[in-house]
Each structure stands twice: as structure tokens, then as C-alpha cells.
Amino acid sequence: MSNLTKQLAETVTQSGVRTAYGEPVEMDGTVVMPVAISGYGFGGGEGGGSGPNTTVQGEGSGGGGGGLSLPVGAYVTRDGYTRFEPNIIALLTVAVPFVCVAGRALARVIRALKR
């Protein structure tokens, strides 16, 4: 199991920047480089069953993993100027839950200060 964990860790560290910044694409004199926020999570396990406090002999194993990539925008180069153009849908997807939670927290603070 430790070899698998080590291989996964090496793969993630080698691909970090490549998942955050995509390969530049050129179309009609405009260069677009996509940008994303990415994250990974992995888990593992082992097992056993022999020992003085166990009543059942057995074995175990386990594993799991996952990843997330959220496209936040792109760097666009036109006519020699580069600027960041955000992905509005992704930003709204992230902002709506944040605004809801912040609004509820602010309402509770105001209610507590009135008492």
C-alpha cells in the first residue's frame, strides 16, 4: 500500500501546474490559456485481525481518491496585450453559497447586537 501512496503523491506533485494552467491555444491571432483551481484527495487503509484482543481472523484493504477542477477563467492575449477574463458562471457558482452563508451570519450578528 505504501508504494501506491508514494506513486500517487509523485504523480500529483508533477501534474500540479499542468492542471491549474492549460496548454495555450491560438486562434485567429488570439492566444487563450485556461486557468483552473484544482485539488486532490486520497485515502488508504490496511487491516488485520490477529492479536490478543481480536476474536476474528481476517484481512483488510482499502483505498480511494478524488479530484476537483474548477475553471475560473483564461488569460487572453490580443494585439500584444494580455488580460485575465474570468469565467462568470464558475465565479457565480462559488459566490452564491458564500453570499448566503455571509448573509445569514450577518443577520445573526445584527440580531445579537440589537438585544
PDB file of N, CA and C in Angstrom:
ATOM      1  N   MET A   1       0.823  -1.194   0.000  1.00  0.00           N
ATOM      2  CA  MET A   1       0.000   0.000   0.000  1.00  0.00           C
ATOM      3  C   MET A   1       0.862   1.250   0.000  1.00  0.00           C
ATOM      4  N   SER A   2       1.996   1.225   0.693  1.00  0.00           N
ATOM      5  CA  SER A   2       2.836   2.420   0.765  1.00  0.00           C
ATOM      6  C   SER A   2       3.430   2.773  -0.596  1.00  0.00           C
ATOM      7  N   ASN A   3       3.708   1.769  -1.434  1.00  0.00           N
ATOM      8  CA  ASN A   3       4.213   2.070  -2.772  1.00  0.00           C
ATOM      9  C   ASN A   3       3.161   2.781  -3.610  1.00  0.00           C
ATOM     10  N   LEU A   4       1.901   2.392  -3.497  1.00  0.00           N
ATOM     11  CA  LEU A   4       0.826   3.042  -4.223  1.00  0.00           C
ATOM     12  C   LEU A   4       0.674   4.491  -3.767  1.00  0.00           C
ATOM     13  N   THR A   5       0.728   4.719  -2.475  1.00  0.00           N
ATOM     14  CA  THR A   5       0.625   6.073  -1.939  1.00  0.00           C
ATOM     15  C   THR A   5       1.765   6.941  -2.428  1.00  0.00           C
ATOM     16  N   LYS A   6       2.952   6.398  -2.444  1.00  0.00           N
ATOM     17  CA  LYS A   6       4.120   7.153  -2.920  1.00  0.00           C
ATOM     18  C   LYS A   6       3.977   7.486  -4.407  1.00  0.00           C
ATOM     19  N   GLN A   7       3.500   6.543  -5.200  1.00  0.00           N
ATOM     20  CA  GLN A   7       3.312   6.794  -6.631  1.00  0.00           C
ATOM     21  C   GLN A   7       2.249   7.855  -6.874  1.00  0.00           C
ATOM     22  N   LEU A   8       1.160   7.815  -6.118  1.00  0.00           N
ATOM     23  CA  LEU A   8       0.120   8.835  -6.251  1.00  0.00           C
ATOM     24  C   LEU A   8       0.644  10.215  -5.878  1.00  0.00           C
ATOM     25  N   ALA A   9       1.417  10.295  -4.804  1.00  0.00           N
ATOM     26  CA  ALA A   9       1.969  11.584  -4.376  1.00  0.00           C
ATOM     27  C   ALA A   9       2.913  12.155  -5.422  1.00  0.00           C
ATOM     28  N   GLU A  10       3.738  11.318  -6.023  1.00  0.00           N
ATOM     29  CA  GLU A  10       4.646  11.794  -7.061  1.00  0.00           C
ATOM     30  C   GLU A  10       3.879  12.266  -8.291  1.00  0.00           C
ATOM     31  N   THR A  11       2.824  11.572  -8.653  1.00  0.00           N
ATOM     32  CA  THR A  11       2.025  11.960  -9.817  1.00  0.00           C
ATOM     33  C   THR A  11       1.356  13.310  -9.578  1.00  0.00           C
ATOM     34  N   VAL A  12       0.796  13.512  -8.389  1.00  0.00           N
ATOM     35  CA  VAL A  12       0.111  14.762  -8.078  1.00  0.00           C
ATOM     36  C   VAL A  12       1.085  15.935  -8.074  1.00  0.00           C
ATOM     37  N   THR A  13       2.245  15.774  -7.483  1.00  0.00           N
ATOM     38  CA  THR A  13       3.196  16.889  -7.440  1.00  0.00           C
ATOM     39  C   THR A  13       3.738  17.220  -8.820  1.00  0.00           C
ATOM     40  N   GLN A  14       3.838  16.259  -9.699  1.00  0.00           N
ATOM     41  CA  GLN A  14       4.339  16.518 -11.040  1.00  0.00           C
ATOM     42  C   GLN A  14       3.286  17.170 -11.923  1.00  0.00           C
ATOM     43  N   SER A  15       2.017  16.968 -11.650  1.00  0.00           N
ATOM     44  CA  SER A  15       0.978  17.489 -12.536  1.00  0.00           C
ATOM     45  C   SER A  15       0.281  18.722 -11.988  1.00  0.00           C
ATOM     46  N   GLY A  16       0.728  19.274 -10.894  1.00  0.00           N
ATOM     47  CA  GLY A  16       0.058  20.402 -10.260  1.00  0.00           C
ATOM     48  C   GLY A  16      -0.115  21.613 -11.151  1.00  0.00           C
ATOM     49  N   VAL A  17       0.954  22.114 -11.728  1.00  0.00           N
ATOM     50  CA  VAL A  17       0.868  23.311 -12.554  1.00  0.00           C
ATOM     51  C   VAL A  17       0.137  23.009 -13.854  1.00  0.00           C
ATOM     52  N   ARG A  18       0.315  21.827 -14.383  1.00  0.00           N
ATOM     53  CA  ARG A  18      -0.362  21.480 -15.640  1.00  0.00           C
ATOM     54  C   ARG A  18      -1.870  21.423 -15.480  1.00  0.00           C
ATOM     55  N   THR A  19      -2.375  21.121 -14.289  1.00  0.00           N
ATOM     56  CA  THR A  19      -3.824  21.110 -14.101  1.00  0.00           C
ATOM     57  C   THR A  19      -4.369  22.496 -13.814  1.00  0.00           C
ATOM     58  N   ALA A  20      -3.549  23.396 -13.273  1.00  0.00           N
ATOM     59  CA  ALA A  20      -4.010  24.752 -12.985  1.00  0.00           C
ATOM     60  C   ALA A  20      -3.990  25.629 -14.237  1.00  0.00           C
ATOM     61  N   TYR A  21      -3.007  25.449 -15.079  1.00  0.00           N
ATOM     62  CA  TYR A  21      -2.887  26.227 -16.310  1.00  0.00           C
ATOM     63  C   TYR A  21      -2.879  25.260 -17.491  1.00  0.00           C
ATOM     64  N   GLY A  22      -3.835  25.422 -18.389  1.00  0.00           N
ATOM     65  CA  GLY A  22      -3.914  24.560 -19.558  1.00  0.00           C
ATOM     66  C   GLY A  22      -2.926  24.980 -20.628  1.00  0.00           C
ATOM     67  N   GLU A  23      -2.842  24.186 -21.657  1.00  0.00           N
ATOM     68  CA  GLU A  23      -1.970  24.500 -22.788  1.00  0.00           C
ATOM     69  C   GLU A  23      -2.543  25.690 -23.558  1.00  0.00           C
ATOM     70  N   PRO A  24      -1.709  26.662 -23.921  1.00  0.00           N
ATOM     71  CA  PRO A  24      -2.201  27.801 -24.705  1.00  0.00           C
ATOM     72  C   PRO A  24      -2.727  27.354 -26.070  1.00  0.00           C
ATOM     73  N   VAL A  25      -3.815  27.978 -26.489  1.00  0.00           N
ATOM     74  CA  VAL A  25      -4.433  27.686 -27.774  1.00  0.00           C
ATOM     75  C   VAL A  25      -4.475  28.980 -28.574  1.00  0.00           C
ATOM     76  N   GLU A  26      -4.035  28.916 -29.838  1.00  0.00           N
ATOM     77  CA  GLU A  26      -4.038  30.104 -30.677  1.00  0.00           C
ATOM     78  C   GLU A  26      -5.106  29.968 -31.761  1.00  0.00           C
ATOM     79  N   MET A  27      -5.941  31.019 -31.885  1.00  0.00           N
ATOM     80  CA  MET A  27      -6.985  31.055 -32.906  1.00  0.00           C
ATOM     81  C   MET A  27      -7.083  32.483 -33.434  1.00  0.00           C
ATOM     82  N   ASP A  28      -6.898  32.649 -34.719  1.00  0.00           N
ATOM     83  CA  ASP A  28      -7.037  33.948 -35.372  1.00  0.00           C
ATOM     84  C   ASP A  28      -6.202  35.042 -34.707  1.00  0.00           C
ATOM     85  N   GLY A  29      -4.987  34.728 -34.319  1.00  0.00           N
ATOM     86  CA  GLY A  29      -4.096  35.718 -33.722  1.00  0.00           C
ATOM     87  C   GLY A  29      -4.331  35.967 -32.246  1.00  0.00           C
ATOM     88  N   THR A  30      -5.274  35.267 -31.638  1.00  0.00           N
ATOM     89  CA  THR A  30      -5.556  35.395 -30.207  1.00  0.00           C
ATOM     90  C   THR A  30      -5.090  34.134 -29.502  1.00  0.00           C
ATOM     91  N   VAL A  31      -4.348  34.316 -28.410  1.00  0.00           N
ATOM     92  CA  VAL A  31      -3.853  33.185 -27.625  1.00  0.00           C
ATOM     93  C   VAL A  31      -4.663  33.109 -26.342  1.00  0.00           C
ATOM     94  N   VAL A  32      -5.203  31.927 -26.055  1.00  0.00           N
ATOM     95  CA  VAL A  32      -6.017  31.703 -24.858  1.00  0.00           C
ATOM     96  C   VAL A  32      -5.353  30.628 -24.009  1.00  0.00           C
ATOM     97  N   MET A  33      -5.119  30.938 -22.710  1.00  0.00           N
ATOM     98  CA  MET A  33      -4.562  29.956 -21.779  1.00  0.00           C
ATOM     99  C   MET A  33      -5.552  29.785 -20.625  1.00  0.00           C
ATOM    100  N   PRO A  34      -6.228  28.622 -20.555  1.00  0.00           N
ATOM    101  CA  PRO A  34      -7.222  28.411 -19.496  1.00  0.00           C
ATOM    102  C   PRO A  34      -6.570  28.280 -18.116  1.00  0.00           C
ATOM    103  N   VAL A  35      -7.312  28.742 -17.102  1.00  0.00           N
ATOM    104  CA  VAL A  35      -6.844  28.707 -15.715  1.00  0.00           C
ATOM    105  C   VAL A  35      -7.917  28.031 -14.870  1.00  0.00           C
ATOM    106  N   ALA A  36      -7.503  27.140 -13.976  1.00  0.00           N
ATOM    107  CA  ALA A  36      -8.443  26.423 -13.103  1.00  0.00           C
ATOM    108  C   ALA A  36      -7.852  26.281 -11.709  1.00  0.00           C
ATOM    109  N   ILE A  37      -8.728  26.127 -10.743  1.00  0.00           N
ATOM    110  CA  ILE A  37      -8.317  25.772  -9.388  1.00  0.00           C
ATOM    111  C   ILE A  37      -8.517  24.269  -9.278  1.00  0.00           C
ATOM    112  N   SER A  38      -7.496  23.568  -8.843  1.00  0.00           N
ATOM    113  CA  SER A  38      -7.619  22.115  -8.767  1.00  0.00           C
ATOM    114  C   SER A  38      -7.155  21.610  -7.409  1.00  0.00           C
ATOM    115  N   GLY A  39      -7.729  20.497  -7.001  1.00  0.00           N
ATOM    116  CA  GLY A  39      -7.353  19.890  -5.739  1.00  0.00           C
ATOM    117  C   GLY A  39      -7.535  18.380  -5.804  1.00  0.00           C
ATOM    118  N   TYR A  40      -6.809  17.689  -4.970  1.00  0.00           N
ATOM    119  CA  TYR A  40      -6.835  16.229  -4.939  1.00  0.00           C
ATOM    120  C   TYR A  40      -6.986  15.752  -3.505  1.00  0.00           C
ATOM    121  N   GLY A  41      -7.527  14.574  -3.341  1.00  0.00           N
ATOM    122  CA  GLY A  41      -7.596  13.929  -2.044  1.00  0.00           C
ATOM    123  C   GLY A  41      -7.490  12.426  -2.217  1.00  0.00           C
ATOM    124  N   PHE A  42      -6.722  11.797  -1.360  1.00  0.00           N
ATOM    125  CA  PHE A  42      -6.534  10.355  -1.443  1.00  0.00           C
ATOM    126  C   PHE A  42      -6.591   9.754  -0.053  1.00  0.00           C
ATOM    127  N   GLY A  43      -6.982   8.515   0.003  1.00  0.00           N
ATOM    128  CA  GLY A  43      -7.025   7.802   1.263  1.00  0.00           C
ATOM    129  C   GLY A  43      -6.540   6.380   1.075  1.00  0.00           C
ATOM    130  N   GLY A  44      -6.267   5.730   2.149  1.00  0.00           N
ATOM    131  CA  GLY A  44      -5.780   4.358   2.079  1.00  0.00           C
ATOM    132  C   GLY A  44      -6.219   3.595   3.321  1.00  0.00           C
ATOM    133  N   GLY A  45      -5.838   2.368   3.400  1.00  0.00           N
ATOM    134  CA  GLY A  45      -6.193   1.559   4.551  1.00  0.00           C
ATOM    135  C   GLY A  45      -5.402   0.271   4.575  1.00  0.00           C
ATOM    136  N   GLU A  46      -5.505  -0.393   5.658  1.00  0.00           N
ATOM    137  CA  GLU A  46      -4.874  -1.692   5.839  1.00  0.00           C
ATOM    138  C   GLU A  46      -5.784  -2.467   6.762  1.00  0.00           C
ATOM    139  N   GLY A  47      -5.394  -3.591   7.127  1.00  0.00           N
ATOM    140  CA  GLY A  47      -6.234  -4.384   8.012  1.00  0.00           C
ATOM    141  C   GLY A  47      -5.430  -5.421   8.743  1.00  0.00           C
ATOM    142  N   GLY A  48      -6.123  -6.234   9.394  1.00  0.00           N
ATOM    143  CA  GLY A  48      -5.514  -7.291  10.176  1.00  0.00           C
ATOM    144  C   GLY A  48      -6.611  -7.968  10.974  1.00  0.00           C
ATOM    145  N   GLY A  49      -6.242  -8.746  11.865  1.00  0.00           N
ATOM    146  CA  GLY A  49      -7.241  -9.421  12.675  1.00  0.00           C
ATOM    147  C   GLY A  49      -6.594 -10.330  13.698  1.00  0.00           C
ATOM    148  N   SER A  50      -5.296 -10.411  13.658  1.00  0.00           N
ATOM    149  CA  SER A  50      -4.641 -11.288  14.618  1.00  0.00           C
ATOM    150  C   SER A  50      -4.137 -10.447  15.777  1.00  0.00           C
ATOM    151  N   GLY A  51      -4.204 -10.962  16.928  1.00  0.00           N
ATOM    152  CA  GLY A  51      -3.735 -10.266  18.115  1.00  0.00           C
ATOM    153  C   GLY A  51      -4.487 -10.748  19.330  1.00  0.00           C
ATOM    154  N   PRO A  52      -4.074 -10.306  20.489  1.00  0.00           N
ATOM    155  CA  PRO A  52      -4.700 -10.809  21.716  1.00  0.00           C
ATOM    156  C   PRO A  52      -6.137 -10.308  21.922  1.00  0.00           C
ATOM    157  N   ASN A  53      -6.507  -9.156  21.367  1.00  0.00           N
ATOM    158  CA  ASN A  53      -7.835  -8.594  21.611  1.00  0.00           C
ATOM    159  C   ASN A  53      -8.819  -8.859  20.477  1.00  0.00           C
ATOM    160  N   THR A  54      -8.452  -9.615  19.473  1.00  0.00           N
ATOM    161  CA  THR A  54      -9.357  -9.873  18.364  1.00  0.00           C
ATOM    162  C   THR A  54      -9.881 -11.294  18.419  1.00  0.00           C
ATOM    163  N   THR A  55     -11.131 -11.443  18.048  1.00  0.00           N
ATOM    164  CA  THR A  55     -11.746 -12.772  18.067  1.00  0.00           C
ATOM    165  C   THR A  55     -11.873 -13.346  16.673  1.00  0.00           C
ATOM    166  N   VAL A  56     -11.697 -12.506  15.632  1.00  0.00           N
ATOM    167  CA  VAL A  56     -11.872 -12.954  14.259  1.00  0.00           C
ATOM    168  C   VAL A  56     -10.559 -12.760  13.509  1.00  0.00           C
ATOM    169  N   GLN A  57     -10.168 -13.764  12.773  1.00  0.00           N
ATOM    170  CA  GLN A  57      -9.004 -13.649  11.908  1.00  0.00           C
ATOM    171  C   GLN A  57      -9.458 -13.052  10.583  1.00  0.00           C
ATOM    172  N   GLY A  58      -8.698 -12.159  10.020  1.00  0.00           N
ATOM    173  CA  GLY A  58      -9.123 -11.580   8.767  1.00  0.00           C
ATOM    174  C   GLY A  58      -8.048 -10.735   8.130  1.00  0.00           C
ATOM    175  N   GLU A  59      -8.400 -10.177   7.023  1.00  0.00           N
ATOM    176  CA  GLU A  59      -7.508  -9.272   6.315  1.00  0.00           C
ATOM    177  C   GLU A  59      -8.289  -8.036   5.946  1.00  0.00           C
ATOM    178  N   GLY A  60      -7.590  -7.051   5.472  1.00  0.00           N
ATOM    179  CA  GLY A  60      -8.263  -5.834   5.068  1.00  0.00           C
ATOM    180  C   GLY A  60      -7.507  -5.150   3.958  1.00  0.00           C
ATOM    181  N   SER A  61      -8.106  -4.166   3.439  1.00  0.00           N
ATOM    182  CA  SER A  61      -7.508  -3.387   2.373  1.00  0.00           C
ATOM    183  C   SER A  61      -8.354  -2.142   2.229  1.00  0.00           C
ATOM    184  N   GLY A  62      -8.018  -1.284   1.312  1.00  0.00           N
ATOM    185  CA  GLY A  62      -8.838  -0.105   1.110  1.00  0.00           C
ATOM    186  C   GLY A  62      -8.159   0.871   0.181  1.00  0.00           C
ATOM    187  N   GLY A  63      -8.817   1.924  -0.083  1.00  0.00           N
ATOM    188  CA  GLY A  63      -8.256   2.965  -0.922  1.00  0.00           C
ATOM    189  C   GLY A  63      -9.359   3.831  -1.490  1.00  0.00           C
ATOM    190  N   GLY A  64      -8.982   4.980  -1.922  1.00  0.00           N
ATOM    191  CA  GLY A  64      -9.945   5.886  -2.516  1.00  0.00           C
ATOM    192  C   GLY A  64      -9.251   7.165  -2.922  1.00  0.00           C
ATOM    193  N   GLY A  65      -9.889   7.909  -3.735  1.00  0.00           N
ATOM    194  CA  GLY A  65      -9.297   9.168  -4.155  1.00  0.00           C
ATOM    195  C   GLY A  65     -10.286   9.967  -4.967  1.00  0.00           C
ATOM    196  N   GLY A  66      -9.940  11.205  -5.139  1.00  0.00           N
ATOM    197  CA  GLY A  66     -10.806  12.056  -5.928  1.00  0.00           C
ATOM    198  C   GLY A  66     -10.116  13.357  -6.257  1.00  0.00           C
ATOM    199  N   GLY A  67     -10.694  14.074  -7.153  1.00  0.00           N
ATOM    200  CA  GLY A  67     -10.124  15.350  -7.555  1.00  0.00           C
ATOM    201  C   GLY A  67     -11.219  16.310  -7.975  1.00  0.00           C
ATOM    202  N   LEU A  68     -10.863  17.581  -8.013  1.00  0.00           N
ATOM    203  CA  LEU A  68     -11.797  18.622  -8.388  1.00  0.00           C
ATOM    204  C   LEU A  68     -11.043  19.656  -9.203  1.00  0.00           C
ATOM    205  N   SER A  69     -11.650  20.122 -10.250  1.00  0.00           N
ATOM    206  CA  SER A  69     -11.076  21.185 -11.057  1.00  0.00           C
ATOM    207  C   SER A  69     -12.174  22.178 -11.384  1.00  0.00           C
ATOM    208  N   LEU A  70     -11.971  23.440 -11.005  1.00  0.00           N
ATOM    209  CA  LEU A  70     -12.957  24.481 -11.237  1.00  0.00           C
ATOM    210  C   LEU A  70     -12.368  25.512 -12.194  1.00  0.00           C
ATOM    211  N   PRO A  71     -12.902  25.616 -13.408  1.00  0.00           N
ATOM    212  CA  PRO A  71     -12.368  26.582 -14.368  1.00  0.00           C
ATOM    213  C   PRO A  71     -12.735  28.002 -13.944  1.00  0.00           C
ATOM    214  N   VAL A  72     -11.735  28.827 -13.638  1.00  0.00           N
ATOM    215  CA  VAL A  72     -12.006  30.178 -13.152  1.00  0.00           C
ATOM    216  C   VAL A  72     -11.871  31.245 -14.231  1.00  0.00           C
ATOM    217  N   GLY A  73     -11.272  30.919 -15.355  1.00  0.00           N
ATOM    218  CA  GLY A  73     -11.133  31.912 -16.422  1.00  0.00           C
ATOM    219  C   GLY A  73     -10.016  31.546 -17.374  1.00  0.00           C
ATOM    220  N   ALA A  74      -9.514  32.571 -18.057  1.00  0.00           N
ATOM    221  CA  ALA A  74      -8.436  32.349 -19.015  1.00  0.00           C
ATOM    222  C   ALA A  74      -7.636  33.633 -19.182  1.00  0.00           C
ATOM    223  N   TYR A  75      -6.341  33.465 -19.459  1.00  0.00           N
ATOM    224  CA  TYR A  75      -5.513  34.587 -19.876  1.00  0.00           C
ATOM    225  C   TYR A  75      -5.636  34.682 -21.391  1.00  0.00           C
ATOM    226  N   VAL A  76      -6.017  35.851 -21.869  1.00  0.00           N
ATOM    227  CA  VAL A  76      -6.239  36.055 -23.295  1.00  0.00           C
ATOM    228  C   VAL A  76      -5.265  37.121 -23.780  1.00  0.00           C
ATOM    229  N   THR A  77      -4.512  36.792 -24.841  1.00  0.00           N
ATOM    230  CA  THR A  77      -3.575  37.733 -25.438  1.00  0.00           C
ATOM    231  C   THR A  77      -4.099  38.134 -26.810  1.00  0.00           C
ATOM    232  N   ARG A  78      -4.389  39.441 -26.968  1.00  0.00           N
ATOM    233  CA  ARG A  78      -4.840  40.007 -28.240  1.00  0.00           C
ATOM    234  C   ARG A  78      -4.030  41.265 -28.515  1.00  0.00           C
ATOM    235  N   ASP A  79      -3.568  41.406 -29.709  1.00  0.00           N
ATOM    236  CA  ASP A  79      -2.854  42.615 -30.143  1.00  0.00           C
ATOM    237  C   ASP A  79      -1.711  42.991 -29.198  1.00  0.00           C
ATOM    238  N   GLY A  80      -1.025  42.001 -28.655  1.00  0.00           N
ATOM    239  CA  GLY A  80       0.123  42.253 -27.796  1.00  0.00           C
ATOM    240  C   GLY A  80      -0.208  42.541 -26.342  1.00  0.00           C
ATOM    241  N   TYR A  81      -1.480  42.548 -25.961  1.00  0.00           N
ATOM    242  CA  TYR A  81      -1.886  42.798 -24.580  1.00  0.00           C
ATOM    243  C   TYR A  81      -2.501  41.534 -23.996  1.00  0.00           C
ATOM    244  N   THR A  82      -2.121  41.232 -22.751  1.00  0.00           N
ATOM    245  CA  THR A  82      -2.643  40.055 -22.063  1.00  0.00           C
ATOM    246  C   THR A  82      -3.506  40.505 -20.899  1.00  0.00           C
ATOM    247  N   ARG A  83      -4.683  39.907 -20.787  1.00  0.00           N
ATOM    248  CA  ARG A  83      -5.540  40.205 -19.647  1.00  0.00           C
ATOM    249  C   ARG A  83      -6.264  38.942 -19.214  1.00  0.00           C
ATOM    250  N   PHE A  84      -6.708  38.946 -17.976  1.00  0.00           N
ATOM    251  CA  PHE A  84      -7.439  37.805 -17.434  1.00  0.00           C
ATOM    252  C   PHE A  84      -8.926  38.024 -17.654  1.00  0.00           C
ATOM    253  N   GLU A  85      -9.606  37.047 -18.228  1.00  0.00           N
ATOM    254  CA  GLU A  85     -11.049  37.101 -18.422  1.00  0.00           C
ATOM    255  C   GLU A  85     -11.678  35.987 -17.582  1.00  0.00           C
ATOM    256  N   PRO A  86     -12.442  36.377 -16.550  1.00  0.00           N
ATOM    257  CA  PRO A  86     -13.000  35.365 -15.643  1.00  0.00           C
ATOM    258  C   PRO A  86     -14.136  34.575 -16.275  1.00  0.00           C
ATOM    259  N   ASN A  87     -14.343  33.376 -15.758  1.00  0.00           N
ATOM    260  CA  ASN A  87     -15.474  32.526 -16.119  1.00  0.00           C
ATOM    261  C   ASN A  87     -16.609  32.902 -15.168  1.00  0.00           C
ATOM    262  N   ILE A  88     -17.537  33.701 -15.646  1.00  0.00           N
ATOM    263  CA  ILE A  88     -18.596  34.252 -14.796  1.00  0.00           C
ATOM    264  C   ILE A  88     -19.449  33.148 -14.170  1.00  0.00           C
ATOM    265  N   ILE A  89     -19.754  32.095 -14.909  1.00  0.00           N
ATOM    266  CA  ILE A  89     -20.594  31.019 -14.379  1.00  0.00           C
ATOM    267  C   ILE A  89     -19.905  30.332 -13.201  1.00  0.00           C
ATOM    268  N   ALA A  90     -18.611  30.053 -13.320  1.00  0.00           N
ATOM    269  CA  ALA A  90     -17.877  29.418 -12.222  1.00  0.00           C
ATOM    270  C   ALA A  90     -17.801  30.345 -11.014  1.00  0.00           C
ATOM    271  N   LEU A  91     -17.569  31.630 -11.246  1.00  0.00           N
ATOM    272  CA  LEU A  91     -17.496  32.570 -10.130  1.00  0.00           C
ATOM    273  C   LEU A  91     -18.844  32.690  -9.420  1.00  0.00           C
ATOM    274  N   LEU A  92     -19.945  32.709 -10.165  1.00  0.00           N
ATOM    275  CA  LEU A  92     -21.262  32.746  -9.536  1.00  0.00           C
ATOM    276  C   LEU A  92     -21.555  31.466  -8.766  1.00  0.00           C
ATOM    277  N   THR A  93     -21.118  30.341  -9.303  1.00  0.00           N
ATOM    278  CA  THR A  93     -21.317  29.060  -8.623  1.00  0.00           C
ATOM    279  C   THR A  93     -20.635  29.048  -7.267  1.00  0.00           C
ATOM    280  N   VAL A  94     -19.470  29.654  -7.195  1.00  0.00           N
ATOM    281  CA  VAL A  94     -18.734  29.715  -5.936  1.00  0.00           C
ATOM    282  C   VAL A  94     -19.287  30.831  -5.048  1.00  0.00           C
ATOM    283  N   ALA A  95     -19.696  31.957  -5.634  1.00  0.00           N
ATOM    284  CA  ALA A  95     -20.110  33.127  -4.858  1.00  0.00           C
ATOM    285  C   ALA A  95     -21.477  32.968  -4.207  1.00  0.00           C
ATOM    286  N   VAL A  96     -22.420  32.303  -4.851  1.00  0.00           N
ATOM    287  CA  VAL A  96     -23.779  32.213  -4.317  1.00  0.00           C
ATOM    288  C   VAL A  96     -23.813  31.547  -2.938  1.00  0.00           C
ATOM    289  N   PRO A  97     -23.205  30.379  -2.736  1.00  0.00           N
ATOM    290  CA  PRO A  97     -23.218  29.803  -1.379  1.00  0.00           C
ATOM    291  C   PRO A  97     -22.487  30.688  -0.363  1.00  0.00           C
ATOM    292  N   PHE A  98     -21.411  31.322  -0.780  1.00  0.00           N
ATOM    293  CA  PHE A  98     -20.663  32.199   0.124  1.00  0.00           C
ATOM    294  C   PHE A  98     -21.525  33.384   0.554  1.00  0.00           C
ATOM    295  N   VAL A  99     -22.227  34.000  -0.378  1.00  0.00           N
ATOM    296  CA  VAL A  99     -23.086  35.144  -0.060  1.00  0.00           C
ATOM    297  C   VAL A  99     -24.222  34.719   0.856  1.00  0.00           C
ATOM    298  N   CYS A 100     -24.794  33.547   0.635  1.00  0.00           N
ATOM    299  CA  CYS A 100     -25.871  33.044   1.504  1.00  0.00           C
ATOM    300  C   CYS A 100     -25.382  32.854   2.936  1.00  0.00           C
ATOM    301  N   VAL A 101     -24.246  32.227   3.093  1.00  0.00           N
ATOM    302  CA  VAL A 101     -23.695  31.993   4.432  1.00  0.00           C
ATOM    303  C   VAL A 101     -23.314  33.315   5.090  1.00  0.00           C
ATOM    304  N   ALA A 102     -22.677  34.209   4.342  1.00  0.00           N
ATOM    305  CA  ALA A 102     -22.296  35.508   4.900  1.00  0.00           C
ATOM    306  C   ALA A 102     -23.533  36.309   5.294  1.00  0.00           C
ATOM    307  N   GLY A 103     -24.596  36.252   4.494  1.00  0.00           N
ATOM    308  CA  GLY A 103     -25.830  36.953   4.824  1.00  0.00           C
ATOM    309  C   GLY A 103     -26.470  36.435   6.091  1.00  0.00           C
ATOM    310  N   ARG A 104     -26.515  35.133   6.244  1.00  0.00           N
ATOM    311  CA  ARG A 104     -27.074  34.553   7.468  1.00  0.00           C
ATOM    312  C   ARG A 104     -26.245  34.932   8.688  1.00  0.00           C
ATOM    313  N   ALA A 105     -24.919  34.878   8.547  1.00  0.00           N
ATOM    314  CA  ALA A 105     -24.048  35.234   9.671  1.00  0.00           C
ATOM    315  C   ALA A 105     -24.233  36.704  10.043  1.00  0.00           C
ATOM    316  N   LEU A 106     -24.322  37.572   9.044  1.00  0.00           N
ATOM    317  CA  LEU A 106     -24.510  38.996   9.309  1.00  0.00           C
ATOM    318  C   LEU A 106     -25.855  39.246   9.979  1.00  0.00           C
ATOM    319  N   ALA A 107     -26.899  38.555   9.549  1.00  0.00           N
ATOM    320  CA  ALA A 107     -28.216  38.703  10.171  1.00  0.00           C
ATOM    321  C   ALA A 107     -28.179  38.293  11.640  1.00  0.00           C
ATOM    322  N   ARG A 108     -27.473  37.220  11.951  1.00  0.00           N
ATOM    323  CA  ARG A 108     -27.367  36.785  13.354  1.00  0.00           C
ATOM    324  C   ARG A 108     -26.579  37.775  14.191  1.00  0.00           C
ATOM    325  N   VAL A 109     -25.528  38.341  13.616  1.00  0.00           N
ATOM    326  CA  VAL A 109     -24.734  39.336  14.353  1.00  0.00           C
ATOM    327  C   VAL A 109     -25.582  40.560  14.639  1.00  0.00           C
ATOM    328  N   ILE A 110     -26.321  41.038  13.652  1.00  0.00           N
ATOM    329  CA  ILE A 110     -27.179  42.216  13.837  1.00  0.00           C
ATOM    330  C   ILE A 110     -28.269  41.921  14.893  1.00  0.00           C
ATOM    331  N   ARG A 111     -28.864  40.742  14.802  1.00  0.00           N
ATOM    332  CA  ARG A 111     -29.890  40.356  15.778  1.00  0.00           C
ATOM    333  C   ARG A 111     -29.309  40.297  17.191  1.00  0.00           C
ATOM    334  N   ALA A 112     -28.084  39.787  17.326  1.00  0.00           N
ATOM    335  CA  ALA A 112     -27.448  39.698  18.639  1.00  0.00           C
ATOM    336  C   ALA A 112     -27.098  41.093  19.182  1.00  0.00           C
ATOM    337  N   LEU A 113     -26.722  42.012  18.306  1.00  0.00           N
ATOM    338  CA  LEU A 113     -26.364  43.352  18.753  1.00  0.00           C
ATOM    339  C   LEU A 113     -27.600  44.151  19.165  1.00  0.00           C
ATOM    340  N   LYS A 114     -28.760  43.853  18.626  1.00  0.00           N
ATOM    341  CA  LYS A 114     -29.997  44.545  18.978  1.00  0.00           C
ATOM    342  C   LYS A 114     -30.486  44.173  20.353  1.00  0.00           C
ATOM    343  N   ARG A 115     -30.147  43.005  20.827  1.00  0.00           N
ATOM    344  CA  ARG A 115     -30.629  42.532  22.143  1.00  0.00           C
ATOM    345  C   ARG A 115     -29.932  43.195  23.258  1.00  0.00           C
TER     346      ARG A 115
END
